[in-house]
Each structure stands twice: as C-alpha cells, then as structure tokens.
Amino acid sequence: MDAQGSLPAFLTVDELAGVLRCQPEKVYRLAARGELPSYKVEGRRLFAEADVVRWLESRHVGADANGRR
C-alpha cells in the first residue's frame, strides 16, 4: 500500500499482455519463472502497476538519461 493507505492498481494477465504487446501465455511464463513480479490470488495472476513500471525500467536499453549510449 502507498503512504496514503490506498490499494495499488492491478492489471490482469490479459491487460498486461496488451500493454506489452505479447500473448498472455508469455506473461504467464514470465510470472511463473519469477522474472515478472506478480500476485497469485485464488489461482489468478495480478500485477501491480508500480511493479510493472519498475520491471520495465530495469529492462530499458539504449540512451541513458543524458542521451548517451
């Protein structure tokens, strides 16, 4: 939970697959291997938006913040 006590926003497998432009099966595999942080609630995978943003940022390639490669 954030500092104000509200719950984080979650994405479903299908929603995250749409964001990542991949098949839902790929999202399931990444989560099952522990590469993509997720929650498992009653057999359903959920992804906190903040975790997804951090995960994506950790995989960013190319120029750094100063425009260098």
PDB file of N, CA and C in Angstrom:
ATOM      1  N   MET A   1       0.832  -1.186   0.000  1.00  0.00           N
ATOM      2  CA  MET A   1       0.000   0.000   0.000  1.00  0.00           C
ATOM      3  C   MET A   1       0.873   1.245   0.000  1.00  0.00           C
ATOM      4  N   ASP A   2       0.350   2.307  -0.563  1.00  0.00           N
ATOM      5  CA  ASP A   2       1.131   3.542  -0.587  1.00  0.00           C
ATOM      6  C   ASP A   2       0.976   4.286   0.740  1.00  0.00           C
ATOM      7  N   ALA A   3       1.639   5.418   0.853  1.00  0.00           N
ATOM      8  CA  ALA A   3       1.678   6.183   2.102  1.00  0.00           C
ATOM      9  C   ALA A   3       0.295   6.639   2.554  1.00  0.00           C
ATOM     10  N   GLN A   4      -0.633   6.752   1.633  1.00  0.00           N
ATOM     11  CA  GLN A   4      -1.972   7.222   1.980  1.00  0.00           C
ATOM     12  C   GLN A   4      -2.903   6.070   2.333  1.00  0.00           C
ATOM     13  N   GLY A   5      -2.414   4.831   2.262  1.00  0.00           N
ATOM     14  CA  GLY A   5      -3.211   3.692   2.666  1.00  0.00           C
ATOM     15  C   GLY A   5      -4.125   3.136   1.593  1.00  0.00           C
ATOM     16  N   SER A   6      -4.055   3.637   0.371  1.00  0.00           N
ATOM     17  CA  SER A   6      -4.909   3.106  -0.684  1.00  0.00           C
ATOM     18  C   SER A   6      -4.248   1.888  -1.314  1.00  0.00           C
ATOM     19  N   LEU A   7      -5.035   1.062  -1.915  1.00  0.00           N
ATOM     20  CA  LEU A   7      -4.525  -0.143  -2.556  1.00  0.00           C
ATOM     21  C   LEU A   7      -3.877   0.187  -3.891  1.00  0.00           C
ATOM     22  N   PRO A   8      -2.876  -0.596  -4.288  1.00  0.00           N
ATOM     23  CA  PRO A   8      -2.255  -0.357  -5.599  1.00  0.00           C
ATOM     24  C   PRO A   8      -3.208  -0.739  -6.723  1.00  0.00           C
ATOM     25  N   ALA A   9      -2.985  -0.178  -7.896  1.00  0.00           N
ATOM     26  CA  ALA A   9      -3.769  -0.539  -9.076  1.00  0.00           C
ATOM     27  C   ALA A   9      -3.173  -1.821  -9.655  1.00  0.00           C
ATOM     28  N   PHE A  10      -4.025  -2.738 -10.042  1.00  0.00           N
ATOM     29  CA  PHE A  10      -3.582  -4.022 -10.567  1.00  0.00           C
ATOM     30  C   PHE A  10      -3.999  -4.205 -12.015  1.00  0.00           C
ATOM     31  N   LEU A  11      -3.196  -4.982 -12.740  1.00  0.00           N
ATOM     32  CA  LEU A  11      -3.501  -5.385 -14.109  1.00  0.00           C
ATOM     33  C   LEU A  11      -3.703  -6.888 -14.132  1.00  0.00           C
ATOM     34  N   THR A  12      -4.601  -7.341 -14.992  1.00  0.00           N
ATOM     35  CA  THR A  12      -4.766  -8.779 -15.213  1.00  0.00           C
ATOM     36  C   THR A  12      -3.739  -9.238 -16.247  1.00  0.00           C
ATOM     37  N   VAL A  13      -3.647 -10.533 -16.430  1.00  0.00           N
ATOM     38  CA  VAL A  13      -2.742 -11.084 -17.437  1.00  0.00           C
ATOM     39  C   VAL A  13      -3.081 -10.535 -18.818  1.00  0.00           C
ATOM     40  N   ASP A  14      -4.350 -10.546 -19.176  1.00  0.00           N
ATOM     41  CA  ASP A  14      -4.755 -10.060 -20.497  1.00  0.00           C
ATOM     42  C   ASP A  14      -4.452  -8.569 -20.674  1.00  0.00           C
ATOM     43  N   GLU A  15      -4.694  -7.770 -19.639  1.00  0.00           N
ATOM     44  CA  GLU A  15      -4.400  -6.340 -19.726  1.00  0.00           C
ATOM     45  C   GLU A  15      -2.904  -6.101 -19.902  1.00  0.00           C
ATOM     46  N   LEU A  16      -2.087  -6.819 -19.122  1.00  0.00           N
ATOM     47  CA  LEU A  16      -0.645  -6.649 -19.218  1.00  0.00           C
ATOM     48  C   LEU A  16      -0.124  -7.146 -20.563  1.00  0.00           C
ATOM     49  N   ALA A  17      -0.679  -8.233 -21.064  1.00  0.00           N
ATOM     50  CA  ALA A  17      -0.277  -8.721 -22.389  1.00  0.00           C
ATOM     51  C   ALA A  17      -0.560  -7.660 -23.446  1.00  0.00           C
ATOM     52  N   GLY A  18      -1.665  -6.950 -23.316  1.00  0.00           N
ATOM     53  CA  GLY A  18      -1.976  -5.865 -24.251  1.00  0.00           C
ATOM     54  C   GLY A  18      -0.967  -4.734 -24.164  1.00  0.00           C
ATOM     55  N   VAL A  19      -0.577  -4.380 -22.946  1.00  0.00           N
ATOM     56  CA  VAL A  19       0.415  -3.324 -22.753  1.00  0.00           C
ATOM     57  C   VAL A  19       1.753  -3.731 -23.354  1.00  0.00           C
ATOM     58  N   LEU A  20       2.149  -4.977 -23.114  1.00  0.00           N
ATOM     59  CA  LEU A  20       3.440  -5.471 -23.593  1.00  0.00           C
ATOM     60  C   LEU A  20       3.410  -5.927 -25.048  1.00  0.00           C
ATOM     61  N   ARG A  21       2.209  -5.961 -25.608  1.00  0.00           N
ATOM     62  CA  ARG A  21       2.015  -6.409 -26.996  1.00  0.00           C
ATOM     63  C   ARG A  21       2.577  -7.807 -27.216  1.00  0.00           C
ATOM     64  N   CYS A  22       2.151  -8.703 -26.327  1.00  0.00           N
ATOM     65  CA  CYS A  22       2.553 -10.102 -26.439  1.00  0.00           C
ATOM     66  C   CYS A  22       1.353 -10.971 -26.102  1.00  0.00           C
ATOM     67  N   GLN A  23       1.514 -12.262 -26.234  1.00  0.00           N
ATOM     68  CA  GLN A  23       0.442 -13.200 -25.909  1.00  0.00           C
ATOM     69  C   GLN A  23       0.352 -13.382 -24.391  1.00  0.00           C
ATOM     70  N   PRO A  24      -0.847 -13.611 -23.869  1.00  0.00           N
ATOM     71  CA  PRO A  24      -0.988 -13.846 -22.424  1.00  0.00           C
ATOM     72  C   PRO A  24      -0.105 -14.981 -21.913  1.00  0.00           C
ATOM     73  N   GLU A  25       0.134 -15.985 -22.739  1.00  0.00           N
ATOM     74  CA  GLU A  25       0.968 -17.111 -22.330  1.00  0.00           C
ATOM     75  C   GLU A  25       2.375 -16.650 -21.955  1.00  0.00           C
ATOM     76  N   LYS A  26       2.897 -15.660 -22.658  1.00  0.00           N
ATOM     77  CA  LYS A  26       4.228 -15.113 -22.361  1.00  0.00           C
ATOM     78  C   LYS A  26       4.229 -14.459 -20.981  1.00  0.00           C
ATOM     79  N   VAL A  27       3.175 -13.729 -20.659  1.00  0.00           N
ATOM     80  CA  VAL A  27       3.057 -13.086 -19.350  1.00  0.00           C
ATOM     81  C   VAL A  27       3.013 -14.154 -18.259  1.00  0.00           C
ATOM     82  N   TYR A  28       2.220 -15.215 -18.471  1.00  0.00           N
ATOM     83  CA  TYR A  28       2.157 -16.315 -17.510  1.00  0.00           C
ATOM     84  C   TYR A  28       3.535 -16.936 -17.299  1.00  0.00           C
ATOM     85  N   ARG A  29       4.270 -17.180 -18.380  1.00  0.00           N
ATOM     86  CA  ARG A  29       5.604 -17.799 -18.270  1.00  0.00           C
ATOM     87  C   ARG A  29       6.566 -16.919 -17.480  1.00  0.00           C
ATOM     88  N   LEU A  30       6.594 -15.619 -17.797  1.00  0.00           N
ATOM     89  CA  LEU A  30       7.473 -14.702 -17.079  1.00  0.00           C
ATOM     90  C   LEU A  30       7.139 -14.671 -15.590  1.00  0.00           C
ATOM     91  N   ALA A  31       5.863 -14.671 -15.267  1.00  0.00           N
ATOM     92  CA  ALA A  31       5.443 -14.645 -13.863  1.00  0.00           C
ATOM     93  C   ALA A  31       5.759 -15.970 -13.173  1.00  0.00           C
ATOM     94  N   ALA A  32       5.510 -17.071 -13.842  1.00  0.00           N
ATOM     95  CA  ALA A  32       5.757 -18.386 -13.252  1.00  0.00           C
ATOM     96  C   ALA A  32       7.239 -18.599 -12.955  1.00  0.00           C
ATOM     97  N   ARG A  33       8.114 -18.045 -13.799  1.00  0.00           N
ATOM     98  CA  ARG A  33       9.558 -18.160 -13.589  1.00  0.00           C
ATOM     99  C   ARG A  33      10.072 -17.153 -12.566  1.00  0.00           C
ATOM    100  N   GLY A  34       9.208 -16.259 -12.109  1.00  0.00           N
ATOM    101  CA  GLY A  34       9.606 -15.259 -11.126  1.00  0.00           C
ATOM    102  C   GLY A  34      10.323 -14.067 -11.730  1.00  0.00           C
ATOM    103  N   GLU A  35      10.341 -13.976 -13.059  1.00  0.00           N
ATOM    104  CA  GLU A  35      11.002 -12.847 -13.724  1.00  0.00           C
ATOM    105  C   GLU A  35      10.150 -11.587 -13.674  1.00  0.00           C
ATOM    106  N   LEU A  36       8.860 -11.754 -13.688  1.00  0.00           N
ATOM    107  CA  LEU A  36       7.910 -10.648 -13.670  1.00  0.00           C
ATOM    108  C   LEU A  36       7.158 -10.702 -12.342  1.00  0.00           C
ATOM    109  N   PRO A  37       7.289  -9.664 -11.497  1.00  0.00           N
ATOM    110  CA  PRO A  37       6.633  -9.716 -10.187  1.00  0.00           C
ATOM    111  C   PRO A  37       5.115  -9.759 -10.321  1.00  0.00           C
ATOM    112  N   SER A  38       4.514 -10.643  -9.532  1.00  0.00           N
ATOM    113  CA  SER A  38       3.055 -10.786  -9.596  1.00  0.00           C
ATOM    114  C   SER A  38       2.523 -11.276  -8.253  1.00  0.00           C
ATOM    115  N   TYR A  39       1.218 -11.217  -8.145  1.00  0.00           N
ATOM    116  CA  TYR A  39       0.491 -11.771  -7.008  1.00  0.00           C
ATOM    117  C   TYR A  39      -0.387 -12.887  -7.545  1.00  0.00           C
ATOM    118  N   LYS A  40      -0.531 -13.931  -6.770  1.00  0.00           N
ATOM    119  CA  LYS A  40      -1.438 -15.002  -7.163  1.00  0.00           C
ATOM    120  C   LYS A  40      -2.560 -15.040  -6.134  1.00  0.00           C
ATOM    121  N   VAL A  41      -3.757 -14.716  -6.593  1.00  0.00           N
ATOM    122  CA  VAL A  41      -4.919 -14.648  -5.716  1.00  0.00           C
ATOM    123  C   VAL A  41      -5.958 -15.628  -6.231  1.00  0.00           C
ATOM    124  N   GLU A  42      -6.204 -16.663  -5.447  1.00  0.00           N
ATOM    125  CA  GLU A  42      -7.165 -17.706  -5.808  1.00  0.00           C
ATOM    126  C   GLU A  42      -6.945 -18.209  -7.225  1.00  0.00           C
ATOM    127  N   GLY A  43      -5.685 -18.473  -7.561  1.00  0.00           N
ATOM    128  CA  GLY A  43      -5.345 -19.034  -8.859  1.00  0.00           C
ATOM    129  C   GLY A  43      -5.245 -18.027  -9.992  1.00  0.00           C
ATOM    130  N   ARG A  44      -5.454 -16.775  -9.693  1.00  0.00           N
ATOM    131  CA  ARG A  44      -5.424 -15.722 -10.725  1.00  0.00           C
ATOM    132  C   ARG A  44      -4.199 -14.836 -10.524  1.00  0.00           C
ATOM    133  N   ARG A  45      -3.466 -14.562 -11.591  1.00  0.00           N
ATOM    134  CA  ARG A  45      -2.293 -13.692 -11.519  1.00  0.00           C
ATOM    135  C   ARG A  45      -2.715 -12.240 -11.651  1.00  0.00           C
ATOM    136  N   LEU A  46      -2.166 -11.405 -10.769  1.00  0.00           N
ATOM    137  CA  LEU A  46      -2.398  -9.969 -10.828  1.00  0.00           C
ATOM    138  C   LEU A  46      -1.050  -9.272 -10.743  1.00  0.00           C
ATOM    139  N   PHE A  47      -0.949  -8.118 -11.391  1.00  0.00           N
ATOM    140  CA  PHE A  47       0.303  -7.385 -11.491  1.00  0.00           C
ATOM    141  C   PHE A  47       0.084  -5.952 -11.032  1.00  0.00           C
ATOM    142  N   ALA A  48       0.836  -5.536 -10.009  1.00  0.00           N
ATOM    143  CA  ALA A  48       0.738  -4.158  -9.520  1.00  0.00           C
ATOM    144  C   ALA A  48       1.387  -3.242 -10.556  1.00  0.00           C
ATOM    145  N   GLU A  49       0.687  -2.191 -10.918  1.00  0.00           N
ATOM    146  CA  GLU A  49       1.204  -1.259 -11.935  1.00  0.00           C
ATOM    147  C   GLU A  49       2.600  -0.750 -11.583  1.00  0.00           C
ATOM    148  N   ALA A  50       2.823  -0.403 -10.330  1.00  0.00           N
ATOM    149  CA  ALA A  50       4.130   0.128  -9.919  1.00  0.00           C
ATOM    150  C   ALA A  50       5.223  -0.919 -10.118  1.00  0.00           C
ATOM    151  N   ASP A  51       4.929  -2.193  -9.829  1.00  0.00           N
ATOM    152  CA  ASP A  51       5.908  -3.270 -10.041  1.00  0.00           C
ATOM    153  C   ASP A  51       6.219  -3.431 -11.520  1.00  0.00           C
ATOM    154  N   VAL A  52       5.197  -3.325 -12.349  1.00  0.00           N
ATOM    155  CA  VAL A  52       5.380  -3.472 -13.795  1.00  0.00           C
ATOM    156  C   VAL A  52       6.260  -2.334 -14.325  1.00  0.00           C
ATOM    157  N   VAL A  53       6.018  -1.119 -13.852  1.00  0.00           N
ATOM    158  CA  VAL A  53       6.821   0.025 -14.294  1.00  0.00           C
ATOM    159  C   VAL A  53       8.284  -0.192 -13.921  1.00  0.00           C
ATOM    160  N   ARG A  54       8.544  -0.613 -12.680  1.00  0.00           N
ATOM    161  CA  ARG A  54       9.931  -0.873 -12.256  1.00  0.00           C
ATOM    162  C   ARG A  54      10.550  -1.987 -13.083  1.00  0.00           C
ATOM    163  N   TRP A  55       9.802  -3.044 -13.350  1.00  0.00           N
ATOM    164  CA  TRP A  55      10.284  -4.169 -14.142  1.00  0.00           C
ATOM    165  C   TRP A  55      10.646  -3.704 -15.553  1.00  0.00           C
ATOM    166  N   LEU A  56       9.786  -2.915 -16.156  1.00  0.00           N
ATOM    167  CA  LEU A  56      10.059  -2.403 -17.499  1.00  0.00           C
ATOM    168  C   LEU A  56      11.287  -1.496 -17.499  1.00  0.00           C
ATOM    169  N   GLU A  57      11.385  -0.604 -16.517  1.00  0.00           N
ATOM    170  CA  GLU A  57      12.531   0.300 -16.452  1.00  0.00           C
ATOM    171  C   GLU A  57      13.837  -0.458 -16.304  1.00  0.00           C
ATOM    172  N   SER A  58      13.815  -1.594 -15.613  1.00  0.00           N
ATOM    173  CA  SER A  58      15.033  -2.384 -15.425  1.00  0.00           C
ATOM    174  C   SER A  58      15.472  -3.062 -16.720  1.00  0.00           C
ATOM    175  N   ARG A  59      14.599  -3.093 -17.717  1.00  0.00           N
ATOM    176  CA  ARG A  59      14.913  -3.720 -18.991  1.00  0.00           C
ATOM    177  C   ARG A  59      15.129  -2.715 -20.110  1.00  0.00           C
ATOM    178  N   HIS A  60      15.134  -1.441 -19.771  1.00  0.00           N
ATOM    179  CA  HIS A  60      15.307  -0.395 -20.772  1.00  0.00           C
ATOM    180  C   HIS A  60      16.715  -0.452 -21.359  1.00  0.00           C
ATOM    181  N   VAL A  61      16.804  -0.407 -22.667  1.00  0.00           N
ATOM    182  CA  VAL A  61      18.098  -0.385 -23.350  1.00  0.00           C
ATOM    183  C   VAL A  61      18.170   0.857 -24.217  1.00  0.00           C
ATOM    184  N   GLY A  62      19.375   1.307 -24.498  1.00  0.00           N
ATOM    185  CA  GLY A  62      19.536   2.478 -25.364  1.00  0.00           C
ATOM    186  C   GLY A  62      20.164   3.618 -24.610  1.00  0.00           C
ATOM    187  N   ALA A  63      19.817   4.823 -25.024  1.00  0.00           N
ATOM    188  CA  ALA A  63      20.410   6.028 -24.451  1.00  0.00           C
ATOM    189  C   ALA A  63      20.052   6.163 -22.985  1.00  0.00           C
ATOM    190  N   ASP A  64      20.999   6.662 -22.179  1.00  0.00           N
ATOM    191  CA  ASP A  64      20.704   6.919 -20.776  1.00  0.00           C
ATOM    192  C   ASP A  64      19.989   8.267 -20.649  1.00  0.00           C
ATOM    193  N   ALA A  65      19.778   8.715 -19.436  1.00  0.00           N
ATOM    194  CA  ALA A  65      19.033   9.958 -19.204  1.00  0.00           C
ATOM    195  C   ALA A  65      19.728  11.177 -19.798  1.00  0.00           C
ATOM    196  N   ASN A  66      21.046  11.095 -20.019  1.00  0.00           N
ATOM    197  CA  ASN A  66      21.791  12.215 -20.584  1.00  0.00           C
ATOM    198  C   ASN A  66      21.952  12.098 -22.089  1.00  0.00           C
ATOM    199  N   GLY A  67      21.272  11.143 -22.693  1.00  0.00           N
ATOM    200  CA  GLY A  67      21.341  10.987 -24.130  1.00  0.00           C
ATOM    201  C   GLY A  67      22.537  10.186 -24.629  1.00  0.00           C
ATOM    202  N   ARG A  68      23.325   9.627 -23.693  1.00  0.00           N
ATOM    203  CA  ARG A  68      24.485   8.824 -24.075  1.00  0.00           C
ATOM    204  C   ARG A  68      24.086   7.378 -24.280  1.00  0.00           C
ATOM    205  N   ARG A  69      24.834   6.693 -25.098  1.00  0.00           N
ATOM    206  CA  ARG A  69      24.603   5.254 -25.307  1.00  0.00           C
ATOM    207  C   ARG A  69      25.686   4.462 -24.632  1.00  0.00           C
TER     208      ARG A  69
END
